[in-house]
Amino acid sequence: METLKALILKEHSKAQALFIADIIHQKPELIDDLIAFTFAQSEPLSRRAAWPLRIIQDQYPELLINKIDSLISMLQKKHDFAVQRNVLALLISAKIPIKQQGFLLDYTTNLLLDLNSPIAVIAHASDLYLKLADNEIILINELILMLEELRPIKSGGIKAKLAHIYKHLDRIKKHSV
């Protein structure tokens, strides 16, 4: 059988990402290798390894329960936008350790304020920030301010994200009255 690295580099497609995620589900001892490839800062390996990692969180989250803390710690180094996007996406549905929440609020804030961040990274960063804000109106208002700053220079995706956050904020305000 081909090595995991060879499978990652062979093809970049949804079918291949699903195939790799399935292999890791069958052989969970390979999860550490996939994480290492994701954060290896070696392109295209890292970018391609991040997608199956995200799929694993969606389909087999039990494989990553004990890895979330180290995944967050690895974000402290600069990574390709594809790696950031996929790791942010998987963190949205993961249980975030309390000790890492402050770091992630800072991390997502920096991504939101970076004019070079692609829309997909901004979208996932804002979703993760909203999750971490945990219905704290002050933090949600800060998120709205950051996204409002981006509105004139980014696509309709930012406008849609703002609409979603405003609805969320309205629900919180109704429940707190």
N, C-alpha and C. Protein backbone atom coordinates (compact mmCIF):
# COMPACT_ATOMS: atom_id res chain seq x y z
N MET A 1 0.84 -1.19 0.00
CA MET A 1 0.00 0.00 0.00
C MET A 1 0.88 1.25 0.00
N GLU A 2 0.41 2.27 -0.66
CA GLU A 2 1.14 3.52 -0.71
C GLU A 2 1.25 4.13 0.69
N THR A 3 2.29 4.89 0.89
CA THR A 3 2.44 5.57 2.18
C THR A 3 1.41 6.70 2.27
N LEU A 4 1.15 7.13 3.47
CA LEU A 4 0.21 8.22 3.68
C LEU A 4 0.67 9.48 2.94
N LYS A 5 1.94 9.77 3.03
CA LYS A 5 2.47 10.96 2.35
C LYS A 5 2.25 10.87 0.84
N ALA A 6 2.48 9.72 0.28
CA ALA A 6 2.28 9.53 -1.16
C ALA A 6 0.81 9.70 -1.54
N LEU A 7 -0.08 9.20 -0.69
CA LEU A 7 -1.52 9.35 -0.96
C LEU A 7 -1.94 10.82 -0.90
N ILE A 8 -1.38 11.55 0.04
CA ILE A 8 -1.70 12.98 0.16
C ILE A 8 -1.23 13.73 -1.07
N LEU A 9 -0.03 13.41 -1.53
CA LEU A 9 0.55 14.13 -2.67
C LEU A 9 0.02 13.65 -4.03
N LYS A 10 -0.58 12.47 -4.06
CA LYS A 10 -1.02 11.88 -5.32
C LYS A 10 -2.04 12.74 -6.05
N GLU A 11 -3.02 13.23 -5.32
CA GLU A 11 -4.13 13.94 -5.97
C GLU A 11 -4.79 14.84 -4.94
N HIS A 12 -5.21 16.01 -5.40
CA HIS A 12 -5.92 16.94 -4.51
C HIS A 12 -7.36 17.02 -4.98
N SER A 13 -8.20 16.21 -4.35
CA SER A 13 -9.62 16.18 -4.70
C SER A 13 -10.42 15.79 -3.46
N LYS A 14 -11.70 16.06 -3.52
CA LYS A 14 -12.56 15.69 -2.40
C LYS A 14 -12.56 14.18 -2.21
N ALA A 15 -12.61 13.44 -3.32
CA ALA A 15 -12.61 11.98 -3.24
C ALA A 15 -11.34 11.47 -2.55
N GLN A 16 -10.20 12.06 -2.88
CA GLN A 16 -8.94 11.64 -2.27
C GLN A 16 -8.90 12.02 -0.78
N ALA A 17 -9.39 13.20 -0.45
CA ALA A 17 -9.43 13.63 0.95
C ALA A 17 -10.32 12.70 1.78
N LEU A 18 -11.47 12.33 1.23
CA LEU A 18 -12.37 11.38 1.90
C LEU A 18 -11.71 10.01 2.05
N PHE A 19 -11.01 9.58 1.01
CA PHE A 19 -10.30 8.30 1.03
C PHE A 19 -9.25 8.28 2.14
N ILE A 20 -8.47 9.35 2.24
CA ILE A 20 -7.43 9.45 3.28
C ILE A 20 -8.07 9.47 4.67
N ALA A 21 -9.15 10.22 4.83
CA ALA A 21 -9.84 10.25 6.12
C ALA A 21 -10.34 8.86 6.49
N ASP A 22 -10.85 8.12 5.53
CA ASP A 22 -11.33 6.76 5.79
C ASP A 22 -10.18 5.83 6.19
N ILE A 23 -9.04 5.98 5.53
CA ILE A 23 -7.88 5.16 5.89
C ILE A 23 -7.48 5.44 7.34
N ILE A 24 -7.48 6.71 7.72
CA ILE A 24 -7.08 7.06 9.08
C ILE A 24 -8.12 6.58 10.09
N HIS A 25 -9.37 6.56 9.68
CA HIS A 25 -10.40 6.00 10.56
C HIS A 25 -10.13 4.51 10.80
N GLN A 26 -9.71 3.82 9.75
CA GLN A 26 -9.40 2.40 9.87
C GLN A 26 -8.07 2.15 10.59
N LYS A 27 -7.14 3.10 10.46
CA LYS A 27 -5.81 2.98 11.09
C LYS A 27 -5.53 4.25 11.89
N PRO A 28 -6.16 4.39 13.05
CA PRO A 28 -6.03 5.63 13.82
C PRO A 28 -4.60 5.97 14.24
N GLU A 29 -3.72 4.98 14.19
CA GLU A 29 -2.33 5.26 14.55
C GLU A 29 -1.66 6.22 13.55
N LEU A 30 -2.31 6.46 12.40
CA LEU A 30 -1.76 7.37 11.39
C LEU A 30 -2.16 8.84 11.62
N ILE A 31 -3.02 9.10 12.60
CA ILE A 31 -3.50 10.47 12.81
C ILE A 31 -2.36 11.42 13.14
N ASP A 32 -1.39 10.97 13.92
CA ASP A 32 -0.26 11.85 14.26
C ASP A 32 0.57 12.20 13.03
N ASP A 33 0.69 11.25 12.11
CA ASP A 33 1.41 11.54 10.86
C ASP A 33 0.66 12.58 10.04
N LEU A 34 -0.66 12.46 9.96
CA LEU A 34 -1.45 13.43 9.20
C LEU A 34 -1.32 14.82 9.81
N ILE A 35 -1.36 14.89 11.12
CA ILE A 35 -1.20 16.19 11.80
C ILE A 35 0.20 16.75 11.51
N ALA A 36 1.21 15.90 11.59
CA ALA A 36 2.58 16.36 11.32
C ALA A 36 2.71 16.88 9.89
N PHE A 37 2.11 16.19 8.93
CA PHE A 37 2.16 16.66 7.54
C PHE A 37 1.42 17.99 7.38
N THR A 38 0.30 18.14 8.09
CA THR A 38 -0.48 19.37 8.00
C THR A 38 0.34 20.57 8.46
N PHE A 39 1.12 20.40 9.49
CA PHE A 39 1.88 21.51 10.06
C PHE A 39 3.37 21.48 9.67
N ALA A 40 3.71 20.70 8.65
CA ALA A 40 5.12 20.57 8.24
C ALA A 40 5.64 21.80 7.50
N GLN A 41 4.77 22.68 7.10
CA GLN A 41 5.14 23.86 6.32
C GLN A 41 5.89 23.45 5.05
N SER A 42 5.36 22.42 4.42
CA SER A 42 5.92 21.91 3.18
C SER A 42 4.78 21.85 2.17
N GLU A 43 4.89 22.68 1.15
CA GLU A 43 3.81 22.72 0.16
C GLU A 43 4.16 21.86 -1.05
N PRO A 44 3.18 21.17 -1.61
CA PRO A 44 1.75 21.20 -1.30
C PRO A 44 1.30 20.22 -0.22
N LEU A 45 2.24 19.52 0.40
CA LEU A 45 1.90 18.49 1.39
C LEU A 45 1.01 19.03 2.51
N SER A 46 1.41 20.13 3.12
CA SER A 46 0.65 20.67 4.26
C SER A 46 -0.76 21.06 3.87
N ARG A 47 -0.87 21.76 2.77
CA ARG A 47 -2.18 22.22 2.29
C ARG A 47 -3.10 21.02 2.01
N ARG A 48 -2.54 19.99 1.39
CA ARG A 48 -3.35 18.82 1.04
C ARG A 48 -3.68 17.95 2.25
N ALA A 49 -2.82 17.93 3.25
CA ALA A 49 -3.06 17.12 4.44
C ALA A 49 -4.13 17.75 5.33
N ALA A 50 -4.28 19.06 5.24
CA ALA A 50 -5.24 19.75 6.11
C ALA A 50 -6.68 19.38 5.78
N TRP A 51 -6.98 19.12 4.53
CA TRP A 51 -8.36 18.82 4.13
C TRP A 51 -8.86 17.51 4.76
N PRO A 52 -8.11 16.40 4.64
CA PRO A 52 -8.58 15.17 5.31
C PRO A 52 -8.68 15.32 6.83
N LEU A 53 -7.81 16.15 7.41
CA LEU A 53 -7.88 16.39 8.85
C LEU A 53 -9.22 17.02 9.22
N ARG A 54 -9.64 17.97 8.41
CA ARG A 54 -10.95 18.61 8.63
C ARG A 54 -12.09 17.60 8.48
N ILE A 55 -11.98 16.74 7.49
CA ILE A 55 -13.01 15.71 7.27
C ILE A 55 -13.07 14.76 8.46
N ILE A 56 -11.92 14.43 9.01
CA ILE A 56 -11.89 13.55 10.18
C ILE A 56 -12.66 14.18 11.33
N GLN A 57 -12.49 15.49 11.57
CA GLN A 57 -13.24 16.15 12.63
C GLN A 57 -14.74 16.08 12.35
N ASP A 58 -15.13 16.21 11.09
CA ASP A 58 -16.55 16.16 10.72
C ASP A 58 -17.13 14.75 10.86
N GLN A 59 -16.37 13.74 10.44
CA GLN A 59 -16.91 12.38 10.38
C GLN A 59 -16.49 11.46 11.52
N TYR A 60 -15.30 11.69 12.03
CA TYR A 60 -14.76 10.81 13.08
C TYR A 60 -14.13 11.66 14.19
N PRO A 61 -14.90 12.54 14.82
CA PRO A 61 -14.31 13.48 15.79
C PRO A 61 -13.61 12.82 16.97
N GLU A 62 -13.98 11.59 17.26
CA GLU A 62 -13.34 10.89 18.37
C GLU A 62 -11.84 10.71 18.15
N LEU A 63 -11.41 10.72 16.89
CA LEU A 63 -9.98 10.58 16.60
C LEU A 63 -9.18 11.82 16.97
N LEU A 64 -9.85 12.96 17.08
CA LEU A 64 -9.14 14.22 17.34
C LEU A 64 -9.37 14.79 18.74
N ILE A 65 -10.22 14.14 19.54
CA ILE A 65 -10.55 14.67 20.86
C ILE A 65 -9.29 15.01 21.66
N ASN A 66 -8.33 14.13 21.66
CA ASN A 66 -7.11 14.35 22.46
C ASN A 66 -6.03 15.11 21.70
N LYS A 67 -6.36 15.60 20.52
CA LYS A 67 -5.37 16.30 19.68
C LYS A 67 -5.65 17.80 19.56
N ILE A 68 -6.81 18.24 20.01
CA ILE A 68 -7.23 19.63 19.80
C ILE A 68 -6.25 20.62 20.43
N ASP A 69 -5.82 20.34 21.64
CA ASP A 69 -4.89 21.24 22.32
C ASP A 69 -3.60 21.42 21.51
N SER A 70 -3.05 20.32 21.02
CA SER A 70 -1.81 20.43 20.24
C SER A 70 -2.04 21.07 18.88
N LEU A 71 -3.21 20.84 18.27
CA LEU A 71 -3.52 21.51 17.00
C LEU A 71 -3.54 23.02 17.19
N ILE A 72 -4.14 23.46 18.28
CA ILE A 72 -4.21 24.90 18.56
C ILE A 72 -2.80 25.45 18.80
N SER A 73 -2.01 24.73 19.55
CA SER A 73 -0.63 25.18 19.83
C SER A 73 0.18 25.32 18.55
N MET A 74 -0.06 24.43 17.60
CA MET A 74 0.69 24.48 16.34
C MET A 74 0.32 25.68 15.48
N LEU A 75 -0.83 26.29 15.75
CA LEU A 75 -1.23 27.48 15.00
C LEU A 75 -0.36 28.70 15.32
N GLN A 76 0.44 28.61 16.37
CA GLN A 76 1.25 29.75 16.76
C GLN A 76 2.30 30.11 15.71
N LYS A 77 2.64 29.17 14.84
CA LYS A 77 3.54 29.46 13.73
C LYS A 77 2.71 29.87 12.52
N LYS A 78 3.31 30.61 11.61
CA LYS A 78 2.63 31.05 10.38
C LYS A 78 2.42 29.84 9.47
N HIS A 79 1.21 29.72 8.89
CA HIS A 79 0.89 28.61 8.01
C HIS A 79 0.18 29.11 6.76
N ASP A 80 0.18 28.27 5.75
CA ASP A 80 -0.54 28.53 4.51
C ASP A 80 -2.01 28.79 4.83
N PHE A 81 -2.65 29.65 4.04
CA PHE A 81 -4.06 29.97 4.27
C PHE A 81 -4.94 28.72 4.22
N ALA A 82 -4.61 27.75 3.38
CA ALA A 82 -5.42 26.52 3.31
C ALA A 82 -5.34 25.75 4.62
N VAL A 83 -4.17 25.71 5.23
CA VAL A 83 -4.02 25.05 6.53
C VAL A 83 -4.83 25.81 7.57
N GLN A 84 -4.70 27.14 7.60
CA GLN A 84 -5.47 27.95 8.55
C GLN A 84 -6.97 27.71 8.38
N ARG A 85 -7.43 27.77 7.14
CA ARG A 85 -8.86 27.62 6.86
C ARG A 85 -9.39 26.28 7.37
N ASN A 86 -8.68 25.21 7.06
CA ASN A 86 -9.15 23.88 7.45
C ASN A 86 -9.05 23.64 8.96
N VAL A 87 -8.00 24.14 9.59
CA VAL A 87 -7.89 23.97 11.04
C VAL A 87 -8.93 24.81 11.75
N LEU A 88 -9.15 26.04 11.29
CA LEU A 88 -10.21 26.86 11.88
C LEU A 88 -11.56 26.17 11.74
N ALA A 89 -11.82 25.61 10.56
CA ALA A 89 -13.10 24.94 10.32
C ALA A 89 -13.29 23.76 11.26
N LEU A 90 -12.24 22.99 11.49
CA LEU A 90 -12.42 21.84 12.38
C LEU A 90 -12.55 22.28 13.84
N LEU A 91 -11.92 23.40 14.20
CA LEU A 91 -12.03 23.89 15.57
C LEU A 91 -13.44 24.41 15.90
N ILE A 92 -14.16 24.84 14.88
CA ILE A 92 -15.52 25.34 15.09
C ILE A 92 -16.40 24.26 15.72
N SER A 93 -16.20 23.02 15.32
CA SER A 93 -17.04 21.95 15.86
C SER A 93 -16.36 21.17 16.99
N ALA A 94 -15.17 21.59 17.39
CA ALA A 94 -14.44 20.88 18.45
C ALA A 94 -14.67 21.54 19.80
N LYS A 95 -14.42 20.77 20.85
CA LYS A 95 -14.46 21.32 22.20
C LYS A 95 -13.10 21.98 22.45
N ILE A 96 -13.13 23.29 22.66
CA ILE A 96 -11.90 24.06 22.84
C ILE A 96 -11.53 24.10 24.32
N PRO A 97 -10.30 23.69 24.65
CA PRO A 97 -9.87 23.78 26.05
C PRO A 97 -9.90 25.24 26.53
N ILE A 98 -10.35 25.45 27.75
CA ILE A 98 -10.46 26.81 28.30
C ILE A 98 -9.13 27.54 28.22
N LYS A 99 -8.04 26.84 28.50
CA LYS A 99 -6.72 27.49 28.51
C LYS A 99 -6.30 27.99 27.13
N GLN A 100 -6.95 27.51 26.06
CA GLN A 100 -6.59 27.93 24.70
C GLN A 100 -7.54 28.98 24.14
N GLN A 101 -8.63 29.27 24.83
CA GLN A 101 -9.64 30.18 24.28
C GLN A 101 -9.12 31.60 24.09
N GLY A 102 -8.34 32.10 25.04
CA GLY A 102 -7.77 33.44 24.91
C GLY A 102 -6.86 33.55 23.70
N PHE A 103 -5.99 32.54 23.54
CA PHE A 103 -5.11 32.52 22.37
C PHE A 103 -5.92 32.53 21.08
N LEU A 104 -6.96 31.71 21.03
CA LEU A 104 -7.76 31.63 19.79
C LEU A 104 -8.53 32.92 19.53
N LEU A 105 -8.98 33.61 20.57
CA LEU A 105 -9.62 34.91 20.35
C LEU A 105 -8.63 35.90 19.74
N ASP A 106 -7.40 35.92 20.25
CA ASP A 106 -6.36 36.78 19.68
C ASP A 106 -6.03 36.36 18.25
N TYR A 107 -5.88 35.06 18.04
CA TYR A 107 -5.52 34.52 16.73
C TYR A 107 -6.57 34.88 15.68
N THR A 108 -7.83 34.65 16.02
CA THR A 108 -8.89 34.96 15.06
C THR A 108 -9.02 36.47 14.84
N THR A 109 -8.80 37.25 15.89
CA THR A 109 -8.82 38.70 15.74
C THR A 109 -7.75 39.15 14.75
N ASN A 110 -6.55 38.61 14.89
CA ASN A 110 -5.46 38.97 13.96
C ASN A 110 -5.79 38.59 12.53
N LEU A 111 -6.40 37.43 12.34
CA LEU A 111 -6.79 37.02 10.98
C LEU A 111 -7.87 37.95 10.42
N LEU A 112 -8.81 38.34 11.26
CA LEU A 112 -9.89 39.22 10.82
C LEU A 112 -9.38 40.61 10.46
N LEU A 113 -8.36 41.05 11.13
CA LEU A 113 -7.82 42.39 10.88
C LEU A 113 -6.74 42.40 9.79
N ASP A 114 -6.30 41.23 9.34
CA ASP A 114 -5.28 41.13 8.30
C ASP A 114 -5.95 41.27 6.93
N LEU A 115 -5.66 42.35 6.25
CA LEU A 115 -6.30 42.61 4.95
C LEU A 115 -5.92 41.58 3.89
N ASN A 116 -4.89 40.79 4.15
CA ASN A 116 -4.48 39.75 3.20
C ASN A 116 -5.19 38.43 3.43
N SER A 117 -5.97 38.32 4.50
CA SER A 117 -6.68 37.07 4.76
C SER A 117 -7.75 36.85 3.71
N PRO A 118 -7.77 35.66 3.09
CA PRO A 118 -8.82 35.34 2.13
C PRO A 118 -10.19 35.27 2.82
N ILE A 119 -11.23 35.42 2.03
CA ILE A 119 -12.60 35.41 2.55
C ILE A 119 -12.89 34.12 3.33
N ALA A 120 -12.45 32.98 2.84
CA ALA A 120 -12.73 31.71 3.53
C ALA A 120 -12.09 31.68 4.91
N VAL A 121 -10.89 32.23 5.04
CA VAL A 121 -10.23 32.29 6.35
C VAL A 121 -11.00 33.24 7.26
N ILE A 122 -11.42 34.38 6.73
CA ILE A 122 -12.19 35.35 7.51
C ILE A 122 -13.51 34.72 7.97
N ALA A 123 -14.16 33.99 7.08
CA ALA A 123 -15.44 33.37 7.43
C ALA A 123 -15.26 32.38 8.58
N HIS A 124 -14.26 31.51 8.49
CA HIS A 124 -14.05 30.52 9.55
C HIS A 124 -13.53 31.18 10.83
N ALA A 125 -12.69 32.21 10.68
CA ALA A 125 -12.19 32.92 11.86
C ALA A 125 -13.35 33.60 12.59
N SER A 126 -14.28 34.19 11.83
CA SER A 126 -15.41 34.85 12.47
C SER A 126 -16.35 33.83 13.13
N ASP A 127 -16.54 32.68 12.51
CA ASP A 127 -17.37 31.64 13.13
C ASP A 127 -16.74 31.13 14.42
N LEU A 128 -15.42 30.93 14.41
CA LEU A 128 -14.75 30.46 15.62
C LEU A 128 -14.77 31.54 16.69
N TYR A 129 -14.55 32.79 16.31
CA TYR A 129 -14.62 33.90 17.26
C TYR A 129 -16.01 33.94 17.90
N LEU A 130 -17.05 33.82 17.07
CA LEU A 130 -18.42 33.85 17.57
C LEU A 130 -18.66 32.71 18.56
N LYS A 131 -18.14 31.52 18.25
CA LYS A 131 -18.27 30.38 19.16
C LYS A 131 -17.57 30.68 20.49
N LEU A 132 -16.37 31.23 20.41
CA LEU A 132 -15.60 31.53 21.61
C LEU A 132 -16.22 32.67 22.42
N ALA A 133 -16.89 33.59 21.74
CA ALA A 133 -17.53 34.71 22.42
C ALA A 133 -18.61 34.21 23.37
N ASP A 134 -19.17 33.06 23.08
CA ASP A 134 -20.11 32.37 23.98
C ASP A 134 -21.20 33.31 24.51
N ASN A 135 -21.83 34.00 23.59
CA ASN A 135 -22.95 34.89 23.89
C ASN A 135 -22.57 36.11 24.74
N GLU A 136 -21.29 36.45 24.77
CA GLU A 136 -20.83 37.67 25.43
C GLU A 136 -21.05 38.83 24.46
N ILE A 137 -22.01 39.67 24.75
CA ILE A 137 -22.40 40.73 23.82
C ILE A 137 -21.22 41.65 23.49
N ILE A 138 -20.36 41.94 24.45
CA ILE A 138 -19.22 42.82 24.19
C ILE A 138 -18.31 42.21 23.12
N LEU A 139 -18.01 40.91 23.24
CA LEU A 139 -17.15 40.26 22.24
C LEU A 139 -17.84 40.18 20.88
N ILE A 140 -19.12 39.91 20.89
CA ILE A 140 -19.86 39.84 19.63
C ILE A 140 -19.88 41.20 18.96
N ASN A 141 -20.05 42.26 19.74
CA ASN A 141 -20.01 43.61 19.16
C ASN A 141 -18.63 43.92 18.58
N GLU A 142 -17.56 43.44 19.23
CA GLU A 142 -16.21 43.62 18.68
C GLU A 142 -16.08 42.90 17.35
N LEU A 143 -16.63 41.70 17.27
CA LEU A 143 -16.59 40.96 16.01
C LEU A 143 -17.33 41.73 14.91
N ILE A 144 -18.48 42.26 15.24
CA ILE A 144 -19.24 43.05 14.27
C ILE A 144 -18.42 44.24 13.79
N LEU A 145 -17.76 44.93 14.70
CA LEU A 145 -16.93 46.08 14.32
C LEU A 145 -15.81 45.67 13.37
N MET A 146 -15.17 44.53 13.65
CA MET A 146 -14.09 44.05 12.77
C MET A 146 -14.63 43.74 11.38
N LEU A 147 -15.78 43.06 11.32
CA LEU A 147 -16.35 42.70 10.03
C LEU A 147 -16.87 43.92 9.29
N GLU A 148 -17.39 44.89 10.01
CA GLU A 148 -17.85 46.14 9.37
C GLU A 148 -16.67 46.87 8.72
N GLU A 149 -15.50 46.78 9.33
CA GLU A 149 -14.30 47.39 8.75
C GLU A 149 -13.96 46.74 7.40
N LEU A 150 -14.25 45.45 7.29
CA LEU A 150 -13.93 44.72 6.06
C LEU A 150 -15.00 44.87 4.98
N ARG A 151 -16.19 45.23 5.35
CA ARG A 151 -17.31 45.27 4.42
C ARG A 151 -16.99 45.99 3.10
N PRO A 152 -16.40 47.19 3.13
CA PRO A 152 -16.18 47.89 1.86
C PRO A 152 -15.14 47.24 0.95
N ILE A 153 -14.23 46.45 1.51
CA ILE A 153 -13.14 45.94 0.68
C ILE A 153 -13.24 44.44 0.39
N LYS A 154 -14.18 43.77 0.97
CA LYS A 154 -14.32 42.33 0.75
C LYS A 154 -15.65 42.03 0.05
N SER A 155 -15.84 40.78 -0.26
CA SER A 155 -16.99 40.35 -1.07
C SER A 155 -18.30 40.30 -0.30
N GLY A 156 -19.32 39.84 -1.00
CA GLY A 156 -20.63 39.64 -0.41
C GLY A 156 -20.62 38.61 0.70
N GLY A 157 -19.58 37.78 0.76
CA GLY A 157 -19.47 36.79 1.83
C GLY A 157 -19.40 37.45 3.19
N ILE A 158 -18.73 38.59 3.27
CA ILE A 158 -18.65 39.33 4.53
C ILE A 158 -20.03 39.85 4.91
N LYS A 159 -20.76 40.35 3.94
CA LYS A 159 -22.11 40.86 4.22
C LYS A 159 -23.02 39.74 4.72
N ALA A 160 -22.90 38.56 4.12
CA ALA A 160 -23.70 37.42 4.56
C ALA A 160 -23.30 37.00 5.98
N LYS A 161 -22.01 37.02 6.26
CA LYS A 161 -21.53 36.65 7.59
C LYS A 161 -22.05 37.65 8.63
N LEU A 162 -22.03 38.94 8.30
CA LEU A 162 -22.55 39.96 9.20
C LEU A 162 -24.04 39.74 9.48
N ALA A 163 -24.79 39.42 8.44
CA ALA A 163 -26.23 39.17 8.62
C ALA A 163 -26.44 38.01 9.60
N HIS A 164 -25.64 36.96 9.46
CA HIS A 164 -25.74 35.81 10.36
C HIS A 164 -25.42 36.22 11.81
N ILE A 165 -24.38 37.01 11.99
CA ILE A 165 -23.98 37.43 13.33
C ILE A 165 -25.02 38.37 13.94
N TYR A 166 -25.58 39.26 13.13
CA TYR A 166 -26.63 40.16 13.64
C TYR A 166 -27.84 39.36 14.13
N LYS A 167 -28.21 38.32 13.39
CA LYS A 167 -29.33 37.46 13.82
C LYS A 167 -28.99 36.78 15.14
N HIS A 168 -27.76 36.30 15.25
CA HIS A 168 -27.31 35.65 16.48
C HIS A 168 -27.37 36.64 17.64
N LEU A 169 -26.91 37.84 17.43
CA LEU A 169 -26.92 38.87 18.45
C LEU A 169 -28.35 39.21 18.86
N ASP A 170 -29.26 39.31 17.90
CA ASP A 170 -30.67 39.58 18.20
C ASP A 170 -31.26 38.48 19.09
N ARG A 171 -30.93 37.21 18.80
CA ARG A 171 -31.42 36.09 19.63
C ARG A 171 -30.90 36.20 21.05
N ILE A 172 -29.64 36.57 21.19
CA ILE A 172 -29.05 36.71 22.53
C ILE A 172 -29.76 37.82 23.29
N LYS A 173 -29.95 38.94 22.64
CA LYS A 173 -30.60 40.09 23.29
C LYS A 173 -32.03 39.75 23.72
N LYS A 174 -32.76 39.00 22.90
CA LYS A 174 -34.13 38.62 23.25
C LYS A 174 -34.16 37.71 24.46
N HIS A 175 -33.18 36.81 24.56
CA HIS A 175 -33.14 35.86 25.69
C HIS A 175 -32.62 36.51 26.97
N SER A 176 -31.90 37.62 26.85
CA SER A 176 -31.35 38.26 28.04
C SER A 176 -32.29 39.31 28.63
N VAL A 177 -33.39 39.58 27.94
CA VAL A 177 -34.35 40.58 28.43
C VAL A 177 -35.29 39.97 29.44
